Protein backbone atom coordinates (compact mmCIF):
# COMPACT_ATOMS: atom_id res chain seq x y z
CA MET A 1 17.22 -1.02 5.24
CA THR A 2 16.30 -3.99 3.10
CA SER A 3 16.55 -3.24 -0.57
CA VAL A 4 13.69 -4.29 -2.80
CA VAL A 5 13.20 -3.80 -6.50
CA VAL A 6 9.91 -2.13 -7.33
CA ASP A 7 8.73 -2.50 -10.92
CA VAL A 8 6.03 0.01 -11.80
CA ILE A 9 3.86 -0.35 -14.88
CA ALA A 10 1.45 2.45 -15.79
CA GLU A 11 -1.19 0.52 -17.71
CA THR A 12 -3.39 3.55 -18.33
CA PRO A 13 -2.51 7.09 -19.37
CA LEU A 14 -4.76 8.42 -16.59
CA TRP A 15 -1.80 8.27 -14.21
CA VAL A 16 0.06 10.84 -16.37
CA SER A 17 -2.09 13.46 -14.63
CA LEU A 18 -0.13 12.68 -11.45
CA PRO A 19 3.48 13.62 -12.20
CA GLY A 20 5.98 11.55 -10.26
CA ALA A 21 3.49 8.75 -9.52
CA GLU A 22 6.02 6.04 -10.29
CA ASP A 23 8.60 7.53 -7.91
CA LEU A 24 5.98 7.88 -5.16
CA VAL A 25 4.97 4.24 -5.59
CA GLU A 26 8.56 3.01 -5.45
CA ARG A 27 9.31 5.01 -2.28
CA ALA A 28 6.08 3.88 -0.62
CA ALA A 29 6.69 0.18 -1.26
CA ALA A 30 10.32 0.37 -0.13
CA ALA A 31 9.35 2.24 3.06
CA ALA A 32 6.66 -0.32 3.89
CA VAL A 33 9.08 -3.22 3.46
CA ALA A 34 11.71 -1.48 5.59
CA ALA A 35 9.24 -0.83 8.42
CA ALA A 36 7.30 -4.09 8.33
CA GLY A 37 9.59 -6.03 10.64
CA VAL A 38 9.93 -9.02 8.32
CA VAL A 39 13.03 -10.36 6.63
CA VAL A 40 12.90 -10.40 2.84
CA LEU A 41 15.50 -11.51 0.35
CA ALA A 42 17.72 -8.60 -0.71
CA GLY A 43 16.65 -7.52 -4.19
CA ALA A 44 13.27 -9.21 -3.95
CA GLU A 45 10.78 -7.78 -6.44
CA ILE A 46 7.38 -6.16 -6.11
CA SER A 47 5.41 -5.34 -9.25
CA ILE A 48 2.93 -2.49 -9.08
CA MET A 49 0.42 -1.84 -11.82
CA LEU A 50 -1.09 1.62 -12.02
CA ALA A 51 -4.36 0.80 -13.73
CA ASP A 52 -7.91 2.04 -14.12
CA ASP A 53 -11.24 1.01 -12.62
CA ALA A 54 -12.05 -1.32 -15.52
CA ARG A 55 -8.87 -3.35 -14.95
CA LEU A 56 -9.31 -3.50 -11.17
CA ARG A 57 -12.92 -4.58 -11.69
CA GLU A 58 -11.71 -7.47 -13.88
CA LEU A 59 -9.11 -8.51 -11.34
CA ASN A 60 -11.52 -8.15 -8.42
CA ARG A 61 -14.12 -10.26 -10.24
CA GLU A 62 -11.60 -12.94 -11.24
CA TRP A 63 -9.71 -13.26 -7.94
CA ARG A 64 -12.19 -12.17 -5.27
CA GLY A 65 -15.56 -12.88 -6.89
CA GLN A 66 -16.61 -9.23 -6.55
CA ASP A 67 -17.79 -7.62 -9.78
CA LYS A 68 -16.85 -4.04 -8.94
CA PRO A 69 -13.75 -1.86 -9.03
CA THR A 70 -11.73 -1.38 -5.88
CA ASN A 71 -8.89 0.92 -4.90
CA VAL A 72 -6.05 -1.57 -4.46
CA LEU A 73 -5.49 -5.30 -4.79
CA SER A 74 -2.52 -7.30 -3.54
CA PHE A 75 -1.39 -10.68 -4.79
CA PRO A 76 1.29 -12.19 -2.51
CA ALA A 77 3.77 -14.43 -4.33
CA VAL A 78 4.59 -16.54 -1.29
CA PRO A 79 3.32 -17.13 2.25
CA PRO A 80 4.94 -14.95 4.94
CA ASP A 81 7.22 -17.77 6.14
CA ARG A 82 8.92 -17.87 2.72
CA LEU A 83 9.58 -14.13 2.28
CA ALA A 84 13.23 -14.42 3.36
CA THR A 85 14.05 -16.75 0.46
CA SER A 86 11.71 -15.61 -2.31
CA PRO A 87 12.94 -13.38 -5.14
CA LEU A 88 9.32 -12.31 -5.70
CA LEU A 89 7.13 -10.69 -3.04
CA GLY A 90 4.05 -10.22 -5.20
CA ASP A 91 1.96 -7.85 -7.25
CA ILE A 92 -0.14 -4.80 -6.42
CA ALA A 93 -2.70 -3.06 -8.63
CA VAL A 94 -4.12 0.43 -7.98
CA ALA A 95 -7.15 1.95 -9.73
CA TYR A 96 -6.84 5.60 -10.74
CA GLU A 97 -10.50 6.62 -10.76
CA THR A 98 -11.33 4.98 -7.43
CA ALA A 99 -8.20 6.40 -5.78
CA ARG A 100 -9.01 9.87 -7.12
CA ARG A 101 -12.67 9.69 -5.97
CA GLU A 102 -11.64 8.55 -2.50
CA ALA A 103 -9.01 11.27 -2.19
CA GLU A 104 -11.52 13.93 -3.21
CA ALA A 105 -14.25 12.57 -0.91
CA GLU A 106 -11.83 12.47 2.05
CA ASP A 107 -10.26 15.84 1.17
CA LYS A 108 -6.81 14.26 0.75
CA ALA A 109 -4.16 14.93 -1.83
CA LEU A 110 -4.13 12.21 -4.50
CA PRO A 111 -0.35 11.65 -4.15
CA ASP A 112 -0.78 11.03 -0.40
CA HIS A 113 -3.68 8.65 -0.98
CA LEU A 114 -1.72 6.77 -3.64
CA VAL A 115 1.19 6.35 -1.23
CA HIS A 116 -1.19 5.07 1.45
CA LEU A 117 -2.74 2.53 -0.94
CA VAL A 118 0.69 1.24 -1.95
CA VAL A 119 1.85 1.00 1.68
CA HIS A 120 -1.37 -0.87 2.51
CA GLY A 121 -0.97 -3.21 -0.46
CA THR A 122 2.70 -3.86 0.31
CA LEU A 123 1.90 -4.78 3.90
CA HIS A 124 -0.59 -7.34 2.57
CA LEU A 125 2.21 -8.86 0.47
CA LEU A 126 4.24 -9.20 3.67
CA GLY A 127 1.53 -11.09 5.56
CA HIS A 128 -0.26 -8.25 7.35
CA ASP A 129 -4.04 -8.21 7.28
CA HIS A 130 -7.11 -6.59 8.81
CA LEU A 131 -9.53 -9.49 9.11
CA ASP A 132 -10.10 -9.04 12.82
CA PRO A 133 -9.94 -5.93 15.04
CA VAL A 134 -6.56 -6.77 16.58
CA GLU A 135 -4.92 -7.39 13.19
CA ALA A 136 -6.57 -4.25 11.81
CA GLN A 137 -5.23 -2.13 14.68
CA ARG A 138 -1.70 -3.48 14.20
CA MET A 139 -1.78 -2.96 10.45
CA GLU A 140 -3.22 0.56 10.72
CA ALA A 141 -0.61 1.52 13.32
CA LEU A 142 2.14 0.29 11.01
CA GLU A 143 0.64 2.17 8.05
CA ILE A 144 0.46 5.35 10.13
CA ARG A 145 4.11 4.96 11.15
CA VAL A 146 5.29 4.35 7.57
CA LEU A 147 3.26 7.27 6.25
CA ALA A 148 4.50 9.59 8.99
CA GLY A 149 8.06 8.70 7.96
CA LEU A 150 7.13 9.78 4.44
CA GLY A 151 5.62 13.05 5.68
CA ILE A 152 1.98 12.00 5.30
CA ALA A 153 -0.59 12.46 8.06
CA ASP A 154 -2.66 9.67 9.62
CA PRO A 155 -5.12 8.58 6.91
CA TYR A 156 -7.48 7.05 9.47
CA GLY A 157 -8.01 10.15 11.55
CA ASP A 158 -8.00 13.88 11.55
CA LEU A 159 -4.75 14.22 13.48
CA PRO A 160 -2.16 16.63 12.15
CA LEU A 161 1.19 15.03 11.33
CA ASP A 162 2.85 16.34 14.51
CA GLU A 163 0.17 14.61 16.61
CA ALA A 164 0.35 11.26 14.78
CA ALA A 165 3.22 9.86 16.87
CA PRO A 166 1.23 9.74 20.15
CA ALA A 167 -1.60 7.98 18.32
CA ILE A 168 0.85 5.39 17.03
CA ARG A 169 2.22 4.78 20.52
CA MET A 170 -1.31 4.31 21.88
CA ALA A 171 -2.25 1.94 19.08
CA ARG A 172 0.86 -0.17 19.73
CA THR A 173 0.29 -0.46 23.46
CA PRO A 174 -0.74 -4.02 24.38
């Protein structure tokens, strides 16, 4: 397993309502890196900011031209072909209120949804994307596999955890 350093900054006290959030985030990012199938420099760093909707709205407006909050944003430090030599992988920001609303609307536990958002954001740092259907299917299958390894059910479907593995195999079939 490749070791990464995950720096977590809780920018808002809202995250205090989720005990252990920082540990969940660290485990999620490390699991995503380990499963992603890319070589990264040992000890490479990922910074994760646990923020609120106001901060994510600012970042989304500044970097994506969208004046609204979003659940997670990723800022890769280097292109995928430089991951093996870069001491920095990038930054991730997660919005508390949006994550909580989504978890409630989808009847998911907030800790599970937070882990999913961090896995998703980490995969973006590593060059994965979902701009077209093929890329989206690959990225979702990888997310499902990482989450299953962390004991979290498929966030894209209604499959119980013990049925997630066949779905992953089907999604990975060429």
